[in-house]
mmCIF file of all heavy atoms, coordinates in Angstrom:
data_MODEL
# 
_entry.id   MODEL 
# 
loop_
_atom_site.group_PDB 
_atom_site.id 
_atom_site.type_symbol 
_atom_site.label_atom_id 
_atom_site.label_alt_id 
_atom_site.label_comp_id 
_atom_site.label_asym_id 
_atom_site.label_entity_id 
_atom_site.label_seq_id 
_atom_site.pdbx_PDB_ins_code 
_atom_site.Cartn_x 
_atom_site.Cartn_y 
_atom_site.Cartn_z 
_atom_site.occupancy 
_atom_site.B_iso_or_equiv 
_atom_site.pdbx_formal_charge 
_atom_site.auth_seq_id 
_atom_site.auth_comp_id 
_atom_site.auth_asym_id 
_atom_site.auth_atom_id 
_atom_site.pdbx_PDB_model_num 
ATOM 1   N N   . GLY A 1 1  ? -18.717 36.260  -0.088 1.00 0.00 ? 1  GLY A N   1 
ATOM 2   C CA  . GLY A 1 1  ? -18.815 35.175  0.904  1.00 0.00 ? 1  GLY A CA  1 
ATOM 3   C C   . GLY A 1 1  ? -19.196 33.857  0.270  1.00 0.00 ? 1  GLY A C   1 
ATOM 4   O O   . GLY A 1 1  ? -18.637 32.824  0.612  1.00 0.00 ? 1  GLY A O   1 
ATOM 5   N N   . ALA A 1 2  ? -20.101 33.875  -0.697 1.00 0.00 ? 2  ALA A N   1 
ATOM 6   C CA  . ALA A 1 2  ? -20.495 32.640  -1.389 1.00 0.00 ? 2  ALA A CA  1 
ATOM 7   C C   . ALA A 1 2  ? -19.313 32.100  -2.191 1.00 0.00 ? 2  ALA A C   1 
ATOM 8   O O   . ALA A 1 2  ? -19.066 30.911  -2.225 1.00 0.00 ? 2  ALA A O   1 
ATOM 9   C CB  . ALA A 1 2  ? -21.708 32.897  -2.270 1.00 0.00 ? 2  ALA A CB  1 
ATOM 10  N N   . ALA A 1 3  ? -18.556 33.004  -2.874 1.00 0.00 ? 3  ALA A N   1 
ATOM 11  C CA  . ALA A 1 3  ? -17.418 32.571  -3.665 1.00 0.00 ? 3  ALA A CA  1 
ATOM 12  C C   . ALA A 1 3  ? -16.361 31.959  -2.757 1.00 0.00 ? 3  ALA A C   1 
ATOM 13  O O   . ALA A 1 3  ? -15.778 30.929  -3.076 1.00 0.00 ? 3  ALA A O   1 
ATOM 14  C CB  . ALA A 1 3  ? -16.865 33.727  -4.456 1.00 0.00 ? 3  ALA A CB  1 
ATOM 15  N N   . TRP A 1 4  ? -16.078 32.586  -1.616 1.00 0.00 ? 4  TRP A N   1 
ATOM 16  C CA  . TRP A 1 4  ? -15.092 32.046  -0.678 1.00 0.00 ? 4  TRP A CA  1 
ATOM 17  C C   . TRP A 1 4  ? -15.528 30.679  -0.158 1.00 0.00 ? 4  TRP A C   1 
ATOM 18  O O   . TRP A 1 4  ? -14.748 29.745  -0.034 1.00 0.00 ? 4  TRP A O   1 
ATOM 19  C CB  . TRP A 1 4  ? -14.895 33.011  0.501  1.00 0.00 ? 4  TRP A CB  1 
ATOM 20  C CG  . TRP A 1 4  ? -13.995 32.431  1.534  1.00 0.00 ? 4  TRP A CG  1 
ATOM 21  C CD1 . TRP A 1 4  ? -12.640 32.383  1.523  1.00 0.00 ? 4  TRP A CD1 1 
ATOM 22  C CD2 . TRP A 1 4  ? -14.375 31.804  2.753  1.00 0.00 ? 4  TRP A CD2 1 
ATOM 23  N NE1 . TRP A 1 4  ? -12.161 31.788  2.619  1.00 0.00 ? 4  TRP A NE1 1 
ATOM 24  C CE2 . TRP A 1 4  ? -13.199 31.389  3.419  1.00 0.00 ? 4  TRP A CE2 1 
ATOM 25  C CE3 . TRP A 1 4  ? -15.641 31.519  3.323  1.00 0.00 ? 4  TRP A CE3 1 
ATOM 26  C CZ2 . TRP A 1 4  ? -13.245 30.756  4.663  1.00 0.00 ? 4  TRP A CZ2 1 
ATOM 27  C CZ3 . TRP A 1 4  ? -15.635 30.897  4.558  1.00 0.00 ? 4  TRP A CZ3 1 
ATOM 28  C CH2 . TRP A 1 4  ? -14.452 30.506  5.185  1.00 0.00 ? 4  TRP A CH2 1 
ATOM 29  N N   . PHE A 1 5  ? -16.830 30.564  0.153  1.00 0.00 ? 5  PHE A N   1 
ATOM 30  C CA  . PHE A 1 5  ? -17.367 29.304  0.696  1.00 0.00 ? 5  PHE A CA  1 
ATOM 31  C C   . PHE A 1 5  ? -17.232 28.181  -0.382 1.00 0.00 ? 5  PHE A C   1 
ATOM 32  O O   . PHE A 1 5  ? -16.854 27.059  -0.062 1.00 0.00 ? 5  PHE A O   1 
ATOM 33  C CB  . PHE A 1 5  ? -18.833 29.487  1.108  1.00 0.00 ? 5  PHE A CB  1 
ATOM 34  C CG  . PHE A 1 5  ? -19.452 28.234  1.666  1.00 0.00 ? 5  PHE A CG  1 
ATOM 35  C CD1 . PHE A 1 5  ? -19.139 27.855  2.983  1.00 0.00 ? 5  PHE A CD1 1 
ATOM 36  C CD2 . PHE A 1 5  ? -20.319 27.459  0.944  1.00 0.00 ? 5  PHE A CD2 1 
ATOM 37  C CE1 . PHE A 1 5  ? -19.672 26.724  3.517  1.00 0.00 ? 5  PHE A CE1 1 
ATOM 38  C CE2 . PHE A 1 5  ? -20.873 26.332  1.489  1.00 0.00 ? 5  PHE A CE2 1 
ATOM 39  C CZ  . PHE A 1 5  ? -20.567 25.955  2.791  1.00 0.00 ? 5  PHE A CZ  1 
ATOM 40  N N   . MET A 1 6  ? -17.532 28.488  -1.628 1.00 0.00 ? 6  MET A N   1 
ATOM 41  C CA  . MET A 1 6  ? -17.517 27.466  -2.693 1.00 0.00 ? 6  MET A CA  1 
ATOM 42  C C   . MET A 1 6  ? -16.092 27.125  -3.116 1.00 0.00 ? 6  MET A C   1 
ATOM 43  O O   . MET A 1 6  ? -15.773 25.972  -3.316 1.00 0.00 ? 6  MET A O   1 
ATOM 44  C CB  . MET A 1 6  ? -18.304 27.947  -3.897 1.00 0.00 ? 6  MET A CB  1 
ATOM 45  C CG  . MET A 1 6  ? -19.782 28.127  -3.591 1.00 0.00 ? 6  MET A CG  1 
ATOM 46  S SD  . MET A 1 6  ? -20.621 26.630  -3.106 1.00 0.00 ? 6  MET A SD  1 
ATOM 47  C CE  . MET A 1 6  ? -20.627 25.762  -4.647 1.00 0.00 ? 6  MET A CE  1 
ATOM 48  N N   . PHE A 1 7  ? -15.240 28.146  -3.256 1.00 0.00 ? 7  PHE A N   1 
ATOM 49  C CA  . PHE A 1 7  ? -13.930 27.884  -3.837 1.00 0.00 ? 7  PHE A CA  1 
ATOM 50  C C   . PHE A 1 7  ? -12.823 27.807  -2.773 1.00 0.00 ? 7  PHE A C   1 
ATOM 51  O O   . PHE A 1 7  ? -11.843 27.161  -2.939 1.00 0.00 ? 7  PHE A O   1 
ATOM 52  C CB  . PHE A 1 7  ? -13.566 28.995  -4.841 1.00 0.00 ? 7  PHE A CB  1 
ATOM 53  C CG  . PHE A 1 7  ? -14.527 29.014  -5.989 1.00 0.00 ? 7  PHE A CG  1 
ATOM 54  C CD1 . PHE A 1 7  ? -15.402 30.082  -6.097 1.00 0.00 ? 7  PHE A CD1 1 
ATOM 55  C CD2 . PHE A 1 7  ? -14.578 28.004  -6.918 1.00 0.00 ? 7  PHE A CD2 1 
ATOM 56  C CE1 . PHE A 1 7  ? -16.291 30.115  -7.181 1.00 0.00 ? 7  PHE A CE1 1 
ATOM 57  C CE2 . PHE A 1 7  ? -15.486 28.038  -7.957 1.00 0.00 ? 7  PHE A CE2 1 
ATOM 58  C CZ  . PHE A 1 7  ? -16.351 29.068  -8.107 1.00 0.00 ? 7  PHE A CZ  1 
ATOM 59  N N   . GLY A 1 8  ? -13.009 28.461  -1.663 1.00 0.00 ? 8  GLY A N   1 
ATOM 60  C CA  . GLY A 1 8  ? -11.974 28.428  -0.606 1.00 0.00 ? 8  GLY A CA  1 
ATOM 61  C C   . GLY A 1 8  ? -11.910 27.098  0.088  1.00 0.00 ? 8  GLY A C   1 
ATOM 62  O O   . GLY A 1 8  ? -10.902 26.743  0.661  1.00 0.00 ? 8  GLY A O   1 
ATOM 63  N N   . ARG A 1 9  ? -12.999 26.365  0.135  1.00 0.00 ? 9  ARG A N   1 
ATOM 64  C CA  . ARG A 1 9  ? -13.035 25.053  0.793  1.00 0.00 ? 9  ARG A CA  1 
ATOM 65  C C   . ARG A 1 9  ? -12.315 24.010  -0.018 1.00 0.00 ? 9  ARG A C   1 
ATOM 66  O O   . ARG A 1 9  ? -11.961 22.959  0.483  1.00 0.00 ? 9  ARG A O   1 
ATOM 67  C CB  . ARG A 1 9  ? -14.478 24.638  1.023  1.00 0.00 ? 9  ARG A CB  1 
ATOM 68  C CG  . ARG A 1 9  ? -15.139 25.479  2.054  1.00 0.00 ? 9  ARG A CG  1 
ATOM 69  C CD  . ARG A 1 9  ? -16.602 25.117  2.180  1.00 0.00 ? 9  ARG A CD  1 
ATOM 70  N NE  . ARG A 1 9  ? -16.773 23.669  2.317  1.00 0.00 ? 9  ARG A NE  1 
ATOM 71  C CZ  . ARG A 1 9  ? -17.919 23.076  2.469  1.00 0.00 ? 9  ARG A CZ  1 
ATOM 72  N NH1 . ARG A 1 9  ? -19.018 23.775  2.521  1.00 0.00 ? 9  ARG A NH1 1 
ATOM 73  N NH2 . ARG A 1 9  ? -18.043 21.790  2.571  1.00 0.00 ? 9  ARG A NH2 1 
ATOM 74  N N   . GLY A 1 10 ? -12.027 24.263  -1.290 1.00 0.00 ? 10 GLY A N   1 
ATOM 75  C CA  . GLY A 1 10 ? -11.382 23.258  -2.151 1.00 0.00 ? 10 GLY A CA  1 
ATOM 76  C C   . GLY A 1 10 ? -9.868  23.192  -1.980 1.00 0.00 ? 10 GLY A C   1 
ATOM 77  O O   . GLY A 1 10 ? -9.196  22.462  -2.677 1.00 0.00 ? 10 GLY A O   1 
ATOM 78  N N   . LYS A 1 11 ? -9.281  24.015  -1.097 1.00 0.00 ? 11 LYS A N   1 
ATOM 79  C CA  . LYS A 1 11 ? -7.820  23.999  -0.886 1.00 0.00 ? 11 LYS A CA  1 
ATOM 80  C C   . LYS A 1 11 ? -7.310  22.684  -0.443 1.00 0.00 ? 11 LYS A C   1 
ATOM 81  O O   . LYS A 1 11 ? -6.239  22.269  -0.853 1.00 0.00 ? 11 LYS A O   1 
ATOM 82  C CB  . LYS A 1 11 ? -7.450  25.081  0.126  1.00 0.00 ? 11 LYS A CB  1 
ATOM 83  C CG  . LYS A 1 11 ? -7.596  26.488  -0.356 1.00 0.00 ? 11 LYS A CG  1 
ATOM 84  C CD  . LYS A 1 11 ? -7.203  27.477  0.688  1.00 0.00 ? 11 LYS A CD  1 
ATOM 85  C CE  . LYS A 1 11 ? -7.449  28.897  0.256  1.00 0.00 ? 11 LYS A CE  1 
ATOM 86  N NZ  . LYS A 1 11 ? -7.156  29.869  1.293  1.00 0.00 ? 11 LYS A NZ  1 
ATOM 87  N N   . ASN A 1 12 ? -8.015  21.983  0.410  1.00 0.00 ? 12 ASN A N   1 
ATOM 88  C CA  . ASN A 1 12 ? -7.593  20.689  0.924  1.00 0.00 ? 12 ASN A CA  1 
ATOM 89  C C   . ASN A 1 12 ? -8.179  19.512  0.134  1.00 0.00 ? 12 ASN A C   1 
ATOM 90  O O   . ASN A 1 12 ? -8.243  18.437  0.649  1.00 0.00 ? 12 ASN A O   1 
ATOM 91  C CB  . ASN A 1 12 ? -7.969  20.577  2.390  1.00 0.00 ? 12 ASN A CB  1 
ATOM 92  C CG  . ASN A 1 12 ? -7.330  21.640  3.252  1.00 0.00 ? 12 ASN A CG  1 
ATOM 93  O OD1 . ASN A 1 12 ? -6.231  22.102  2.898  1.00 0.00 ? 12 ASN A OD1 1 
ATOM 94  N ND2 . ASN A 1 12 ? -7.958  22.026  4.340  1.00 0.00 ? 12 ASN A ND2 1 
ATOM 95  N N   . ALA A 1 13 ? -8.567  19.772  -1.100 1.00 0.00 ? 13 ALA A N   1 
ATOM 96  C CA  . ALA A 1 13 ? -9.193  18.698  -1.873 1.00 0.00 ? 13 ALA A CA  1 
ATOM 97  C C   . ALA A 1 13 ? -8.217  17.558  -2.193 1.00 0.00 ? 13 ALA A C   1 
ATOM 98  O O   . ALA A 1 13 ? -8.587  16.456  -2.363 1.00 0.00 ? 13 ALA A O   1 
ATOM 99  C CB  . ALA A 1 13 ? -9.751  19.295  -3.181 1.00 0.00 ? 13 ALA A CB  1 
ATOM 100 N N   . GLY A 1 14 ? -6.907  17.859  -2.259 1.00 0.00 ? 14 GLY A N   1 
ATOM 101 C CA  . GLY A 1 14 ? -5.905  16.841  -2.543 1.00 0.00 ? 14 GLY A CA  1 
ATOM 102 C C   . GLY A 1 14 ? -5.614  15.920  -1.395 1.00 0.00 ? 14 GLY A C   1 
ATOM 103 O O   . GLY A 1 14 ? -5.048  14.830  -1.585 1.00 0.00 ? 14 GLY A O   1 
ATOM 104 N N   . GLU A 1 15 ? -5.966  16.264  -0.195 1.00 0.00 ? 15 GLU A N   1 
ATOM 105 C CA  . GLU A 1 15 ? -5.686  15.452  0.974  1.00 0.00 ? 15 GLU A CA  1 
ATOM 106 C C   . GLU A 1 15 ? -6.800  14.400  1.131  1.00 0.00 ? 15 GLU A C   1 
ATOM 107 O O   . GLU A 1 15 ? -7.960  14.699  1.088  1.00 0.00 ? 15 GLU A O   1 
ATOM 108 C CB  . GLU A 1 15 ? -5.598  16.300  2.206  1.00 0.00 ? 15 GLU A CB  1 
ATOM 109 C CG  . GLU A 1 15 ? -4.493  17.310  2.175  1.00 0.00 ? 15 GLU A CG  1 
ATOM 110 C CD  . GLU A 1 15 ? -4.519  18.207  3.397  1.00 0.00 ? 15 GLU A CD  1 
ATOM 111 O OE1 . GLU A 1 15 ? -5.211  17.879  4.386  1.00 0.00 ? 15 GLU A OE1 1 
ATOM 112 O OE2 . GLU A 1 15 ? -3.864  19.242  3.371  1.00 0.00 ? 15 GLU A OE2 1 
ATOM 113 N N   . ASP A 1 16 ? -6.372  13.162  1.290  1.00 0.00 ? 16 ASP A N   1 
ATOM 114 C CA  . ASP A 1 16 ? -7.343  12.082  1.457  1.00 0.00 ? 16 ASP A CA  1 
ATOM 115 C C   . ASP A 1 16 ? -7.748  11.946  2.909  1.00 0.00 ? 16 ASP A C   1 
ATOM 116 O O   . ASP A 1 16 ? -6.922  11.947  3.798  1.00 0.00 ? 16 ASP A O   1 
ATOM 117 C CB  . ASP A 1 16 ? -6.731  10.748  1.017  1.00 0.00 ? 16 ASP A CB  1 
ATOM 118 C CG  . ASP A 1 16 ? -6.463  10.698  -0.482 1.00 0.00 ? 16 ASP A CG  1 
ATOM 119 O OD1 . ASP A 1 16 ? -7.137  11.421  -1.215 1.00 0.00 ? 16 ASP A OD1 1 
ATOM 120 O OD2 . ASP A 1 16 ? -5.551  9.955   -0.867 1.00 0.00 ? 16 ASP A OD2 1 
ATOM 121 N N   . LYS A 1 17 ? -9.002  11.912  3.161  1.00 0.00 ? 17 LYS A N   1 
ATOM 122 C CA  . LYS A 1 17 ? -9.529  11.636  4.510  1.00 0.00 ? 17 LYS A CA  1 
ATOM 123 C C   . LYS A 1 17 ? -9.512  10.143  4.822  1.00 0.00 ? 17 LYS A C   1 
ATOM 124 O O   . LYS A 1 17 ? -9.313  9.739   5.910  1.00 0.00 ? 17 LYS A O   1 
ATOM 125 C CB  . LYS A 1 17 ? -10.920 12.206  4.668  1.00 0.00 ? 17 LYS A CB  1 
ATOM 126 C CG  . LYS A 1 17 ? -10.950 13.713  4.646  1.00 0.00 ? 17 LYS A CG  1 
ATOM 127 C CD  . LYS A 1 17 ? -12.353 14.204  4.921  1.00 0.00 ? 17 LYS A CD  1 
ATOM 128 C CE  . LYS A 1 17 ? -12.357 15.733  4.869  1.00 0.00 ? 17 LYS A CE  1 
ATOM 129 N NZ  . LYS A 1 17 ? -13.691 16.255  5.161  1.00 0.00 ? 17 LYS A NZ  1 
ATOM 130 N N   . TYR A 1 18 ? -9.734  9.341   3.814  1.00 0.00 ? 18 TYR A N   1 
ATOM 131 C CA  . TYR A 1 18 ? -9.719  7.898   3.957  1.00 0.00 ? 18 TYR A CA  1 
ATOM 132 C C   . TYR A 1 18 ? -8.894  7.336   2.832  1.00 0.00 ? 18 TYR A C   1 
ATOM 133 O O   . TYR A 1 18 ? -8.720  7.907   1.779  1.00 0.00 ? 18 TYR A O   1 
ATOM 134 C CB  . TYR A 1 18 ? -11.146 7.331   3.844  1.00 0.00 ? 18 TYR A CB  1 
ATOM 135 C CG  . TYR A 1 18 ? -12.109 7.955   4.841  1.00 0.00 ? 18 TYR A CG  1 
ATOM 136 C CD1 . TYR A 1 18 ? -12.977 8.953   4.447  1.00 0.00 ? 18 TYR A CD1 1 
ATOM 137 C CD2 . TYR A 1 18 ? -12.100 7.521   6.155  1.00 0.00 ? 18 TYR A CD2 1 
ATOM 138 C CE1 . TYR A 1 18 ? -13.866 9.508   5.406  1.00 0.00 ? 18 TYR A CE1 1 
ATOM 139 C CE2 . TYR A 1 18 ? -12.973 8.065   7.066  1.00 0.00 ? 18 TYR A CE2 1 
ATOM 140 C CZ  . TYR A 1 18 ? -13.852 9.047   6.684  1.00 0.00 ? 18 TYR A CZ  1 
ATOM 141 O OH  . TYR A 1 18 ? -14.709 9.592   7.593  1.00 0.00 ? 18 TYR A OH  1 
ATOM 142 N N   . ARG A 1 19 ? -8.340  6.171   3.073  1.00 0.00 ? 19 ARG A N   1 
ATOM 143 C CA  . ARG A 1 19 ? -7.620  5.481   2.028  1.00 0.00 ? 19 ARG A CA  1 
ATOM 144 C C   . ARG A 1 19 ? -7.881  3.983   2.094  1.00 0.00 ? 19 ARG A C   1 
ATOM 145 O O   . ARG A 1 19 ? -8.209  3.476   3.165  1.00 0.00 ? 19 ARG A O   1 
ATOM 146 C CB  . ARG A 1 19 ? -6.128  5.768   2.126  1.00 0.00 ? 19 ARG A CB  1 
ATOM 147 C CG  . ARG A 1 19 ? -5.457  5.202   3.342  1.00 0.00 ? 19 ARG A CG  1 
ATOM 148 C CD  . ARG A 1 19 ? -3.999  5.484   3.352  1.00 0.00 ? 19 ARG A CD  1 
ATOM 149 N NE  . ARG A 1 19 ? -3.422  4.862   4.530  1.00 0.00 ? 19 ARG A NE  1 
ATOM 150 C CZ  . ARG A 1 19 ? -2.192  5.026   4.934  1.00 0.00 ? 19 ARG A CZ  1 
ATOM 151 N NH1 . ARG A 1 19 ? -1.405  5.807   4.218  1.00 0.00 ? 19 ARG A NH1 1 
ATOM 152 N NH2 . ARG A 1 19 ? -1.728  4.430   5.962  1.00 0.00 ? 19 ARG A NH2 1 
ATOM 153 N N   . SER A 1 20 ? -7.703  3.293   1.043  1.00 0.00 ? 20 SER A N   1 
ATOM 154 C CA  . SER A 1 20 ? -7.958  1.844   0.957  1.00 0.00 ? 20 SER A CA  1 
ATOM 155 C C   . SER A 1 20 ? -6.611  1.184   0.763  1.00 0.00 ? 20 SER A C   1 
ATOM 156 O O   . SER A 1 20 ? -5.725  1.644   0.101  1.00 0.00 ? 20 SER A O   1 
ATOM 157 C CB  . SER A 1 20 ? -8.846  1.502   -0.216 1.00 0.00 ? 20 SER A CB  1 
ATOM 158 O OG  . SER A 1 20 ? -10.112 2.108   -0.066 1.00 0.00 ? 20 SER A OG  1 
ATOM 159 N N   . GLU A 1 21 ? -6.454  0.025   1.416  1.00 0.00 ? 21 GLU A N   1 
ATOM 160 C CA  . GLU A 1 21 ? -5.233  -0.769  1.292  1.00 0.00 ? 21 GLU A CA  1 
ATOM 161 C C   . GLU A 1 21 ? -5.623  -2.258  1.186  1.00 0.00 ? 21 GLU A C   1 
ATOM 162 O O   . GLU A 1 21 ? -6.703  -2.663  1.625  1.00 0.00 ? 21 GLU A O   1 
ATOM 163 C CB  . GLU A 1 21 ? -4.356  -0.559  2.506  1.00 0.00 ? 21 GLU A CB  1 
ATOM 164 C CG  . GLU A 1 21 ? -3.928  0.864   2.656  1.00 0.00 ? 21 GLU A CG  1 
ATOM 165 C CD  . GLU A 1 21 ? -2.456  1.014   2.898  1.00 0.00 ? 21 GLU A CD  1 
ATOM 166 O OE1 . GLU A 1 21 ? -1.771  -0.006  2.904  1.00 0.00 ? 21 GLU A OE1 1 
ATOM 167 O OE2 . GLU A 1 21 ? -2.034  2.136   3.093  1.00 0.00 ? 21 GLU A OE2 1 
ATOM 168 N N   . ALA A 1 22 ? -4.736  -3.032  0.643  1.00 0.00 ? 22 ALA A N   1 
ATOM 169 C CA  . ALA A 1 22 ? -4.920  -4.464  0.559  1.00 0.00 ? 22 ALA A CA  1 
ATOM 170 C C   . ALA A 1 22 ? -4.850  -5.084  1.953  1.00 0.00 ? 22 ALA A C   1 
ATOM 171 O O   . ALA A 1 22 ? -4.109  -4.594  2.800  1.00 0.00 ? 22 ALA A O   1 
ATOM 172 C CB  . ALA A 1 22 ? -3.875  -5.073  -0.358 1.00 0.00 ? 22 ALA A CB  1 
ATOM 173 N N   . VAL A 1 23 ? -5.582  -6.149  2.132  1.00 0.00 ? 23 VAL A N   1 
ATOM 174 C CA  . VAL A 1 23 ? -5.587  -6.832  3.466  1.00 0.00 ? 23 VAL A CA  1 
ATOM 175 C C   . VAL A 1 23 ? -4.312  -7.604  3.585  1.00 0.00 ? 23 VAL A C   1 
ATOM 176 O O   . VAL A 1 23 ? -3.851  -8.250  2.639  1.00 0.00 ? 23 VAL A O   1 
ATOM 177 C CB  . VAL A 1 23 ? -6.817  -7.761  3.532  1.00 0.00 ? 23 VAL A CB  1 
ATOM 178 C CG1 . VAL A 1 23 ? -6.764  -8.557  4.822  1.00 0.00 ? 23 VAL A CG1 1 
ATOM 179 C CG2 . VAL A 1 23 ? -8.074  -7.021  3.415  1.00 0.00 ? 23 VAL A CG2 1 
ATOM 180 N N   . GLY A 1 24 ? -3.676  -7.545  4.751  1.00 0.00 ? 24 GLY A N   1 
ATOM 181 C CA  . GLY A 1 24 ? -2.441  -8.271  4.969  1.00 0.00 ? 24 GLY A CA  1 
ATOM 182 C C   . GLY A 1 24 ? -2.178  -8.397  6.447  1.00 0.00 ? 24 GLY A C   1 
ATOM 183 O O   . GLY A 1 24 ? -2.849  -7.795  7.292  1.00 0.00 ? 24 GLY A O   1 
ATOM 184 N N   . LYS A 1 25 ? -1.188  -9.210  6.819  1.00 0.00 ? 25 LYS A N   1 
ATOM 185 C CA  . LYS A 1 25 ? -0.840  -9.396  8.216  1.00 0.00 ? 25 LYS A CA  1 
ATOM 186 C C   . LYS A 1 25 ? 0.197   -8.328  8.588  1.00 0.00 ? 25 LYS A C   1 
ATOM 187 O O   . LYS A 1 25 ? 0.996   -7.890  7.776  1.00 0.00 ? 25 LYS A O   1 
ATOM 188 C CB  . LYS A 1 25 ? -0.215  -10.767 8.444  1.00 0.00 ? 25 LYS A CB  1 
ATOM 189 C CG  . LYS A 1 25 ? -1.234  -11.885 8.333  1.00 0.00 ? 25 LYS A CG  1 
ATOM 190 C CD  . LYS A 1 25 ? -0.584  -13.233 8.659  1.00 0.00 ? 25 LYS A CD  1 
ATOM 191 C CE  . LYS A 1 25 ? -1.624  -14.309 8.578  1.00 0.00 ? 25 LYS A CE  1 
ATOM 192 N NZ  . LYS A 1 25 ? -1.018  -15.630 8.953  1.00 0.00 ? 25 LYS A NZ  1 
ATOM 193 N N   . GLY A 1 26 ? 0.142   -7.961  9.851  1.00 0.00 ? 26 GLY A N   1 
ATOM 194 C CA  . GLY A 1 26 ? 1.126   -6.963  10.361 1.00 0.00 ? 26 GLY A CA  1 
ATOM 195 C C   . GLY A 1 26 ? 0.952   -6.792  11.846 1.00 0.00 ? 26 GLY A C   1 
ATOM 196 O O   . GLY A 1 26 ? 0.034   -7.360  12.472 1.00 0.00 ? 26 GLY A O   1 
ATOM 197 N N   . ASN A 1 27 ? 1.833   -6.023  12.399 1.00 0.00 ? 27 ASN A N   1 
ATOM 198 C CA  . ASN A 1 27 ? 1.754   -5.744  13.840 1.00 0.00 ? 27 ASN A CA  1 
ATOM 199 C C   . ASN A 1 27 ? 0.850   -4.553  14.094 1.00 0.00 ? 27 ASN A C   1 
ATOM 200 O O   . ASN A 1 27 ? 0.874   -3.581  13.356 1.00 0.00 ? 27 ASN A O   1 
ATOM 201 C CB  . ASN A 1 27 ? 3.167   -5.485  14.374 1.00 0.00 ? 27 ASN A CB  1 
ATOM 202 C CG  . ASN A 1 27 ? 4.051   -6.696  14.314 1.00 0.00 ? 27 ASN A CG  1 
ATOM 203 O OD1 . ASN A 1 27 ? 3.551   -7.794  14.375 1.00 0.00 ? 27 ASN A OD1 1 
ATOM 204 N ND2 . ASN A 1 27 ? 5.325   -6.474  14.178 1.00 0.00 ? 27 ASN A ND2 1 
ATOM 205 N N   . VAL A 1 28 ? 0.145   -4.614  15.188 1.00 0.00 ? 28 VAL A N   1 
ATOM 206 C CA  . VAL A 1 28 ? -0.643  -3.467  15.620 1.00 0.00 ? 28 VAL A CA  1 
ATOM 207 C C   . VAL A 1 28 ? 0.106   -2.817  16.768 1.00 0.00 ? 28 VAL A C   1 
ATOM 208 O O   . VAL A 1 28 ? 0.445   -3.468  17.754 1.00 0.00 ? 28 VAL A O   1 
ATOM 209 C CB  . VAL A 1 28 ? -2.050  -3.932  16.104 1.00 0.00 ? 28 VAL A CB  1 
ATOM 210 C CG1 . VAL A 1 28 ? -2.829  -2.741  16.582 1.00 0.00 ? 28 VAL A CG1 1 
ATOM 211 C CG2 . VAL A 1 28 ? -2.792  -4.628  14.961 1.00 0.00 ? 28 VAL A CG2 1 
# 
């Protein structure tokens, strides 16, 4: 269980929850 908790949670490590972008004008 400890191994699954520590290593199984890393499957989605490549997906960004947040990202940064340069400020610019655009439509909302």
